[in-house]
């Protein structure tokens, strides 16, 4: 009994550690997302400058982004940096590991950073083979008996940078679930993005931050940070979420963008558990006449507790005129927000407090009507495979309501 009580106490302490945080002070009245004033305020909130001359390619589902990422790795000439939150021993993991090994043997500097919790099933035989070939592999925030609460702090980032000139960012991991086109219930619907242009330097800096934290080594020089010419016409910035090192940027940038909305807000998120300021801003947007749509996973989800927790909120949002959709064919793991058909927010950060105040994250903001239209078309294709919910669909059984009540007590950890 004393041992069980000790475990319960430790679990309670863990759940309460890094439990809550505070968003930055964001103006109540925000200029439209197309304005220079908005861009300046977003740069202040995120601490990052906007970059010009970028190209960002949308890669929906692993059937597109896995081959694209492998192609970039196999064509690397000098450096490869890869950081990921979740990987499960599978053919995609084997393919990436073998590609890293082949490049390391060619003399390419390969650095791999895996989250200790999310990648605990990566396969140590792959890790051993990579290290023997010269790949530098490290695990982020491993379990330490003398500091167990640190284990709750994860890197949730997904970043690949090749030769300092090609970057990939998004929310996907590596596993069988990502190896396809969301064609059946066993595959996941997800999106990664391939970036070219000056914003890639910010992605490299994002990887460097956690690499330096883990290894105490800083890399530099043109092989990592070359001069990058313009590659397109997009304006973009990388938003680095580092709750343990600086004020919140992920949640605050979401809040700023939502408050700026004049016509429309489109949200497609796997784990929609917003905090009170985000909730309030969505209701305020509806009162301003902004059209709001939310797309969430349906019955195929790895976190069914999410719907239990947010059921009361979703009911109130629908009563306020928000359209809520459930993706039906498979797990929808995407992370996309589009404001006024112009500003797109993509990357690893979820609309939840864990992404705001606990995990390390990396989002990408793209200010472009052309890019936004592409995201909206993708979102419309997802909506065509979804069902629009009505209040009757959210009448959960008693067990789910109890689950939701308990979940809301610790929703900052979900």
Protein backbone atom coordinates (compact mmCIF):
# COMPACT_ATOMS: atom_id res chain seq x y z
CA UNK A 1 0.00 0.00 0.00
CA UNK A 2 2.73 2.57 0.80
CA UNK A 3 4.33 1.81 -2.57
CA UNK A 4 1.03 2.34 -4.39
CA UNK A 5 0.43 5.62 -2.58
CA UNK A 6 3.93 6.74 -3.53
CA UNK A 7 3.23 5.98 -7.19
CA UNK A 8 -0.05 7.90 -7.04
CA UNK A 9 1.71 10.85 -5.43
CA UNK A 10 4.46 10.83 -8.07
CA UNK A 11 1.88 10.64 -10.87
CA UNK A 12 -0.05 13.57 -9.39
CA UNK A 13 3.11 15.61 -9.09
CA UNK A 14 4.05 14.77 -12.67
CA UNK A 15 0.66 15.84 -13.98
CA UNK A 16 0.87 19.10 -12.08
CA UNK A 17 4.46 19.86 -13.07
CA UNK A 18 4.69 22.51 -15.79
CA UNK A 19 0.92 22.39 -15.61
CA UNK A 20 -0.06 25.82 -16.75
CA UNK A 21 1.47 28.86 -18.30
CA UNK A 22 0.52 32.28 -19.46
CA UNK A 23 0.14 33.55 -22.99
CA UNK A 24 1.91 36.74 -23.90
CA UNK A 25 -0.04 39.99 -23.76
CA UNK A 26 -1.85 40.21 -27.07
CA UNK A 27 -3.82 43.31 -28.12
CA UNK A 28 -7.60 42.97 -27.87
CA UNK A 29 -7.96 44.70 -31.23
CA UNK A 30 -5.61 43.38 -33.91
CA UNK A 31 -5.11 44.71 -37.45
CA UNK A 32 -6.02 42.37 -40.34
CA UNK A 33 -3.56 39.62 -41.27
CA UNK A 34 -2.79 41.35 -44.56
CA UNK A 35 -1.48 44.48 -42.85
CA UNK A 36 2.09 45.54 -42.06
CA UNK A 37 0.97 46.27 -38.50
CA UNK A 38 -0.13 42.66 -38.02
CA UNK A 39 3.16 41.36 -39.42
CA UNK A 40 5.11 43.57 -37.02
CA UNK A 41 3.04 42.44 -34.02
CA UNK A 42 3.45 38.78 -34.97
CA UNK A 43 7.22 39.25 -35.26
CA UNK A 44 7.22 40.75 -31.78
CA UNK A 45 5.19 37.85 -30.34
CA UNK A 46 7.29 35.13 -31.98
CA UNK A 47 10.68 36.82 -31.77
CA UNK A 48 11.30 35.90 -35.43
CA UNK A 49 11.57 38.07 -38.52
CA UNK A 50 9.45 37.42 -41.59
CA UNK A 51 11.48 36.14 -44.54
CA UNK A 52 10.80 36.87 -48.20
CA UNK A 53 11.37 34.78 -51.30
CA UNK A 54 10.28 31.36 -50.08
CA UNK A 55 8.62 28.39 -51.72
CA UNK A 56 6.63 25.91 -49.59
CA UNK A 57 5.37 22.70 -51.14
CA UNK A 58 2.39 20.93 -49.57
CA UNK A 59 2.85 17.16 -49.14
CA UNK A 60 -0.44 15.53 -48.06
CA UNK A 61 0.08 12.08 -46.51
CA UNK A 62 3.11 9.84 -46.23
CA UNK A 63 2.70 8.57 -49.77
CA UNK A 64 4.00 11.99 -50.81
CA UNK A 65 6.14 13.27 -47.96
CA UNK A 66 8.09 10.09 -47.18
CA UNK A 67 9.48 9.76 -50.76
CA UNK A 68 10.18 13.52 -50.88
CA UNK A 69 12.10 13.46 -47.59
CA UNK A 70 14.03 10.32 -48.59
CA UNK A 71 14.93 11.90 -51.93
CA UNK A 72 16.30 15.00 -50.19
CA UNK A 73 18.33 12.83 -47.77
CA UNK A 74 19.78 10.70 -50.58
CA UNK A 75 20.77 13.82 -52.53
CA UNK A 76 22.51 15.46 -49.53
CA UNK A 77 26.06 16.61 -50.12
CA UNK A 78 27.23 18.03 -46.77
CA UNK A 79 24.81 17.93 -43.83
CA UNK A 80 21.56 16.34 -42.66
CA UNK A 81 19.74 17.34 -39.46
CA UNK A 82 16.59 15.50 -38.39
CA UNK A 83 14.44 15.88 -35.27
CA UNK A 84 11.26 13.93 -34.61
CA UNK A 85 8.84 13.20 -31.81
CA UNK A 86 7.40 9.80 -32.69
CA UNK A 87 8.84 6.90 -34.66
CA UNK A 88 7.82 3.23 -34.55
CA UNK A 89 10.02 0.44 -35.92
CA UNK A 90 8.58 -0.08 -39.40
CA UNK A 91 9.57 0.04 -43.05
CA UNK A 92 9.64 3.87 -43.11
CA UNK A 93 11.97 3.91 -40.07
CA UNK A 94 14.20 1.29 -41.70
CA UNK A 95 14.28 3.29 -44.96
CA UNK A 96 15.25 6.52 -43.17
CA UNK A 97 17.87 4.76 -41.04
CA UNK A 98 19.47 3.10 -44.06
CA UNK A 99 19.47 6.40 -45.96
CA UNK A 100 21.23 8.12 -43.04
CA UNK A 101 23.78 5.29 -42.86
CA UNK A 102 24.53 5.48 -46.59
CA UNK A 103 25.10 9.24 -46.46
CA UNK A 104 27.26 9.04 -43.34
CA UNK A 105 29.48 6.50 -45.10
CA UNK A 106 29.82 8.98 -47.96
CA UNK A 107 31.13 11.59 -45.52
CA UNK A 108 27.94 13.60 -45.04
CA UNK A 109 27.52 14.90 -41.48
CA UNK A 110 24.30 13.37 -40.20
CA UNK A 111 22.76 14.45 -36.88
CA UNK A 112 19.59 12.80 -35.57
CA UNK A 113 17.64 13.91 -32.50
CA UNK A 114 14.80 11.65 -31.33
CA UNK A 115 12.41 12.29 -28.48
CA UNK A 116 13.09 9.68 -25.81
CA UNK A 117 9.41 9.10 -25.05
CA UNK A 118 7.92 9.24 -28.53
CA UNK A 119 10.72 7.28 -30.19
CA UNK A 120 11.16 4.57 -27.55
CA UNK A 121 9.98 2.04 -30.17
CA UNK A 122 12.32 3.29 -32.91
CA UNK A 123 14.30 0.06 -32.76
CA UNK A 124 17.68 0.05 -31.03
CA UNK A 125 19.12 -2.12 -33.82
CA UNK A 126 18.56 0.83 -36.17
CA UNK A 127 20.12 3.24 -33.68
CA UNK A 128 23.14 0.95 -33.18
CA UNK A 129 23.65 0.59 -36.94
CA UNK A 130 23.43 4.35 -37.47
CA UNK A 131 25.95 5.09 -34.73
CA UNK A 132 28.38 2.48 -36.06
CA UNK A 133 28.19 4.17 -39.49
CA UNK A 134 29.03 7.57 -38.01
CA UNK A 135 25.54 9.06 -37.64
CA UNK A 136 25.32 11.14 -34.47
CA UNK A 137 22.14 9.97 -32.74
CA UNK A 138 20.89 11.46 -29.48
CA UNK A 139 17.66 11.13 -27.48
CA UNK A 140 15.92 14.19 -26.10
CA UNK A 141 15.04 14.30 -22.39
CA UNK A 142 15.62 10.69 -21.33
CA UNK A 143 14.25 9.44 -18.03
CA UNK A 144 16.43 10.40 -15.07
CA UNK A 145 15.72 9.14 -11.58
CA UNK A 146 17.09 12.29 -9.95
CA UNK A 147 14.84 14.52 -12.11
CA UNK A 148 11.70 12.53 -13.05
CA UNK A 149 9.51 15.57 -13.73
CA UNK A 150 11.79 16.62 -16.59
CA UNK A 151 10.52 13.59 -18.52
CA UNK A 152 7.22 15.38 -18.99
CA UNK A 153 8.97 17.95 -21.21
CA UNK A 154 9.19 16.57 -24.74
CA UNK A 155 10.37 17.76 -28.12
CA UNK A 156 7.31 17.53 -30.31
CA UNK A 157 9.08 19.11 -33.29
CA UNK A 158 9.34 17.52 -36.72
CA UNK A 159 12.21 19.12 -38.63
CA UNK A 160 14.44 17.88 -41.43
CA UNK A 161 17.07 20.20 -42.92
CA UNK A 162 19.37 19.05 -45.73
CA UNK A 163 22.51 20.99 -46.65
CA UNK A 164 21.00 24.02 -44.92
CA UNK A 165 18.92 24.66 -48.05
CA UNK A 166 15.95 22.28 -48.01
CA UNK A 167 13.66 22.06 -45.00
CA UNK A 168 10.70 19.91 -44.04
CA UNK A 169 8.26 20.77 -41.28
CA UNK A 170 4.87 19.47 -40.17
CA UNK A 171 3.23 17.15 -37.69
CA UNK A 172 3.98 13.64 -38.94
CA UNK A 173 6.12 10.91 -37.46
CA UNK A 174 7.39 7.69 -39.00
CA UNK A 175 5.40 4.48 -38.71
CA UNK A 176 3.24 2.20 -40.80
CA UNK A 177 0.30 4.53 -40.08
CA UNK A 178 1.95 7.31 -42.09
CA UNK A 179 2.97 5.09 -45.01
CA UNK A 180 0.15 5.69 -47.45
CA UNK A 181 -2.53 8.09 -48.62
CA UNK A 182 -5.10 7.86 -45.81
CA UNK A 183 -6.83 5.24 -47.94
CA UNK A 184 -8.08 3.06 -45.10
CA UNK A 185 -8.61 3.11 -41.34
CA UNK A 186 -5.05 1.91 -40.63
CA UNK A 187 -3.38 4.86 -42.34
CA UNK A 188 -3.39 8.40 -40.97
CA UNK A 189 -4.30 11.63 -42.72
CA UNK A 190 -1.38 14.03 -42.19
CA UNK A 191 0.62 16.72 -43.97
CA UNK A 192 4.26 17.73 -44.17
CA UNK A 193 5.68 20.75 -45.99
CA UNK A 194 8.88 21.12 -48.02
CA UNK A 195 10.42 24.57 -47.74
CA UNK A 196 13.00 26.32 -49.92
CA UNK A 197 14.33 29.82 -49.45
CA UNK A 198 15.54 31.98 -46.55
CA UNK A 199 13.05 30.51 -44.03
CA UNK A 200 15.07 27.27 -44.09
CA UNK A 201 17.75 29.06 -42.08
CA UNK A 202 15.19 29.53 -39.29
CA UNK A 203 14.34 25.82 -39.43
CA UNK A 204 18.04 25.02 -39.09
CA UNK A 205 18.27 27.33 -36.08
CA UNK A 206 15.27 25.55 -34.56
CA UNK A 207 17.04 22.20 -34.84
CA UNK A 208 20.26 23.71 -33.52
CA UNK A 209 18.56 24.93 -30.34
CA UNK A 210 17.66 21.45 -29.13
CA UNK A 211 20.84 19.87 -30.51
CA UNK A 212 22.89 22.31 -28.46
CA UNK A 213 20.73 21.64 -25.40
CA UNK A 214 21.35 17.88 -25.63
CA UNK A 215 24.97 17.77 -26.85
CA UNK A 216 26.38 21.14 -25.69
CA UNK A 217 27.70 21.44 -29.27
CA UNK A 218 26.98 24.37 -31.59
CA UNK A 219 27.41 23.87 -35.32
CA UNK A 220 28.17 26.69 -37.73
CA UNK A 221 29.65 27.45 -41.14
CA UNK A 222 28.35 27.46 -44.72
CA UNK A 223 27.76 23.70 -44.77
CA UNK A 224 24.99 24.28 -42.21
CA UNK A 225 24.12 27.92 -42.88
CA UNK A 226 24.81 28.69 -46.55
CA UNK A 227 23.66 31.78 -48.35
CA UNK A 228 20.15 30.94 -49.53
CA UNK A 229 18.79 32.70 -52.62
CA UNK A 230 15.13 33.44 -53.16
CA UNK A 231 13.20 30.35 -54.23
CA UNK A 232 9.69 31.72 -54.61
CA UNK A 233 7.30 34.52 -53.72
CA UNK A 234 6.07 33.47 -50.27
CA UNK A 235 6.51 35.43 -47.05
CA UNK A 236 7.08 33.07 -44.11
CA UNK A 237 8.51 32.72 -40.64
CA UNK A 238 9.32 29.82 -38.36
CA UNK A 239 7.78 29.99 -34.88
CA UNK A 240 9.88 28.25 -32.27
CA UNK A 241 8.05 27.04 -29.19
CA UNK A 242 10.47 26.61 -26.27
CA UNK A 243 8.45 26.84 -23.03
CA UNK A 244 11.42 26.06 -20.81
CA UNK A 245 13.55 28.80 -22.32
CA UNK A 246 11.30 31.74 -23.23
CA UNK A 247 7.71 33.00 -23.08
CA UNK A 248 5.02 31.17 -25.00
CA UNK A 249 5.04 31.77 -28.75
CA UNK A 250 2.89 28.94 -30.15
CA UNK A 251 -0.33 29.74 -28.26
CA UNK A 252 0.24 33.50 -28.42
CA UNK A 253 0.68 33.43 -32.20
CA UNK A 254 -2.54 31.43 -32.56
CA UNK A 255 -4.32 33.94 -30.33
CA UNK A 256 -3.03 36.94 -32.28
CA UNK A 257 -4.05 35.41 -35.61
CA UNK A 258 -7.55 34.48 -34.40
CA UNK A 259 -8.13 37.98 -33.02
CA UNK A 260 -7.14 39.43 -36.40
CA UNK A 261 -9.77 37.45 -38.33
CA UNK A 262 -12.27 39.53 -40.30
CA UNK A 263 -13.98 37.01 -42.60
CA UNK A 264 -13.09 33.40 -41.85
CA UNK A 265 -11.27 30.98 -39.56
CA UNK A 266 -10.61 27.44 -40.72
CA UNK A 267 -9.20 25.02 -38.14
CA UNK A 268 -8.21 21.44 -38.90
CA UNK A 269 -6.51 19.98 -35.83
CA UNK A 270 -6.03 16.51 -34.41
CA UNK A 271 -6.05 17.60 -30.77
CA UNK A 272 -8.38 20.55 -30.38
CA UNK A 273 -8.33 21.33 -26.63
CA UNK A 274 -7.90 25.13 -26.53
CA UNK A 275 -7.37 27.12 -23.36
CA UNK A 276 -9.75 29.83 -22.14
CA UNK A 277 -8.24 32.77 -24.10
CA UNK A 278 -8.48 30.82 -27.36
CA UNK A 279 -12.04 29.72 -26.55
CA UNK A 280 -13.08 33.30 -25.78
CA UNK A 281 -11.51 34.56 -29.00
CA UNK A 282 -13.46 32.06 -31.11
CA UNK A 283 -16.75 33.24 -29.60
CA UNK A 284 -15.73 36.87 -30.11
CA UNK A 285 -14.96 36.10 -33.75
CA UNK A 286 -18.45 34.69 -34.24
CA UNK A 287 -19.96 37.82 -32.68
CA UNK A 288 -17.99 39.86 -35.24
CA UNK A 289 -19.59 37.80 -37.97
CA UNK A 290 -16.51 35.71 -38.77
CA UNK A 291 -17.28 32.31 -40.31
CA UNK A 292 -15.63 29.59 -38.20
CA UNK A 293 -15.12 25.96 -39.25
CA UNK A 294 -13.45 23.25 -37.16
CA UNK A 295 -12.41 19.83 -38.44
CA UNK A 296 -11.46 17.18 -35.85
CA UNK A 297 -10.88 13.41 -35.89
CA UNK A 298 -13.88 11.09 -35.76
CA UNK A 299 -14.08 7.59 -34.35
CA UNK A 300 -10.64 6.72 -35.71
CA UNK A 301 -8.45 8.55 -33.21
CA UNK A 302 -5.54 7.74 -30.93
CA UNK A 303 -6.95 10.14 -28.30
CA UNK A 304 -10.70 9.52 -27.86
CA UNK A 305 -10.55 11.47 -24.60
CA UNK A 306 -10.20 14.68 -26.64
CA UNK A 307 -13.84 14.64 -27.71
CA UNK A 308 -14.92 13.77 -24.18
CA UNK A 309 -13.03 16.79 -22.85
CA UNK A 310 -14.16 19.28 -25.49
CA UNK A 311 -17.78 18.09 -25.85
CA UNK A 312 -19.26 20.96 -23.77
CA UNK A 313 -17.16 23.51 -25.67
CA UNK A 314 -18.11 22.08 -29.07
CA UNK A 315 -21.79 22.23 -28.11
CA UNK A 316 -21.45 25.90 -27.16
CA UNK A 317 -19.50 26.65 -30.34
CA UNK A 318 -22.17 25.03 -32.50
CA UNK A 319 -24.83 27.03 -30.67
CA UNK A 320 -22.83 30.15 -31.60
CA UNK A 321 -22.88 29.16 -35.28
CA UNK A 322 -19.55 27.35 -35.64
CA UNK A 323 -19.53 24.47 -38.13
CA UNK A 324 -17.86 21.35 -36.66
CA UNK A 325 -16.84 18.38 -38.81
CA UNK A 326 -15.54 14.90 -37.97
CA UNK A 327 -13.11 13.21 -40.35
CA UNK A 328 -14.46 9.71 -40.94
CA UNK A 329 -12.11 7.42 -42.95
CA UNK A 330 -9.12 7.29 -40.57
CA UNK A 331 -7.19 9.21 -37.93
CA UNK A 332 -6.80 12.86 -38.95
CA UNK A 333 -3.48 14.04 -37.49
CA UNK A 334 -3.10 17.31 -39.40
CA UNK A 335 -2.49 20.77 -37.92
CA UNK A 336 -3.77 23.63 -40.04
CA UNK A 337 -5.27 27.05 -39.34
CA UNK A 338 -6.16 29.46 -42.15
CA UNK A 339 -7.23 33.04 -41.35
CA UNK A 340 -9.13 35.19 -43.86
CA UNK A 341 -7.93 33.05 -46.79
CA UNK A 342 -4.48 34.59 -46.38
CA UNK A 343 -2.51 33.51 -43.29
CA UNK A 344 -1.72 29.80 -42.86
CA UNK A 345 -0.36 28.28 -39.63
CA UNK A 346 1.15 24.83 -40.09
CA UNK A 347 3.69 22.70 -38.24
CA UNK A 348 3.86 20.55 -35.11
CA UNK A 349 2.01 22.74 -32.58
CA UNK A 350 -1.46 21.62 -31.51
CA UNK A 351 -4.23 23.89 -30.26
CA UNK A 352 -3.75 22.69 -26.70
CA UNK A 353 -1.91 23.75 -23.56
CA UNK A 354 0.71 21.02 -23.82
CA UNK A 355 1.90 22.55 -27.08
CA UNK A 356 1.75 26.04 -25.59
CA UNK A 357 3.43 25.49 -22.23
CA UNK A 358 5.16 22.09 -22.02
CA UNK A 359 6.44 20.68 -25.32
CA UNK A 360 9.03 22.14 -27.67
CA UNK A 361 7.25 22.88 -30.94
CA UNK A 362 7.88 24.40 -34.34
CA UNK A 363 5.22 26.04 -36.50
CA UNK A 364 5.51 27.77 -39.82
CA UNK A 365 3.51 30.87 -40.70
CA UNK A 366 2.91 31.60 -44.37
CA UNK A 367 1.40 34.94 -45.38
CA UNK A 368 0.11 34.38 -48.90
CA UNK A 369 -3.34 34.18 -50.46
CA UNK A 370 -2.00 31.77 -53.08
CA UNK A 371 -0.63 29.35 -50.48
CA UNK A 372 -3.79 29.74 -48.38
CA UNK A 373 -5.98 28.78 -51.35
CA UNK A 374 -3.99 25.57 -51.71
CA UNK A 375 -4.55 24.78 -48.02
CA UNK A 376 -8.27 25.54 -48.34
CA UNK A 377 -8.58 23.17 -51.32
CA UNK A 378 -6.89 20.46 -49.25
CA UNK A 379 -9.22 21.22 -46.35
CA UNK A 380 -12.25 21.03 -48.62
CA UNK A 381 -11.16 17.58 -49.80
CA UNK A 382 -10.94 16.52 -46.15
CA UNK A 383 -14.39 17.96 -45.43
CA UNK A 384 -15.78 15.92 -48.32
CA UNK A 385 -14.67 12.83 -46.37
CA UNK A 386 -16.15 14.13 -43.14
CA UNK A 387 -19.58 14.57 -41.59
CA UNK A 388 -20.94 17.80 -40.19
CA UNK A 389 -21.92 17.36 -36.56
CA UNK A 390 -25.11 18.50 -34.90
CA UNK A 391 -25.76 18.74 -31.15
CA UNK A 392 -27.37 15.27 -31.07
CA UNK A 393 -24.07 13.75 -32.26
CA UNK A 394 -22.40 15.02 -29.09
CA UNK A 395 -24.72 13.30 -26.62
CA UNK A 396 -22.08 11.12 -25.01
CA UNK A 397 -22.78 8.15 -22.72
CA UNK A 398 -22.23 8.52 -18.98
CA UNK A 399 -18.78 6.93 -19.09
CA UNK A 400 -17.58 9.45 -21.68
CA UNK A 401 -19.04 12.36 -19.71
CA UNK A 402 -17.21 11.22 -16.58
CA UNK A 403 -14.08 10.75 -18.66
CA UNK A 404 -14.48 14.28 -19.96
CA UNK A 405 -14.90 15.74 -16.48
CA UNK A 406 -11.74 14.01 -15.23
CA UNK A 407 -9.90 14.89 -18.41
CA UNK A 408 -10.71 18.58 -18.04
CA UNK A 409 -9.02 18.49 -14.64
CA UNK A 410 -5.72 17.64 -16.33
CA UNK A 411 -6.38 18.92 -19.87
CA UNK A 412 -3.11 20.87 -19.80
CA UNK A 413 -1.34 17.49 -20.02
CA UNK A 414 -3.35 15.97 -22.90
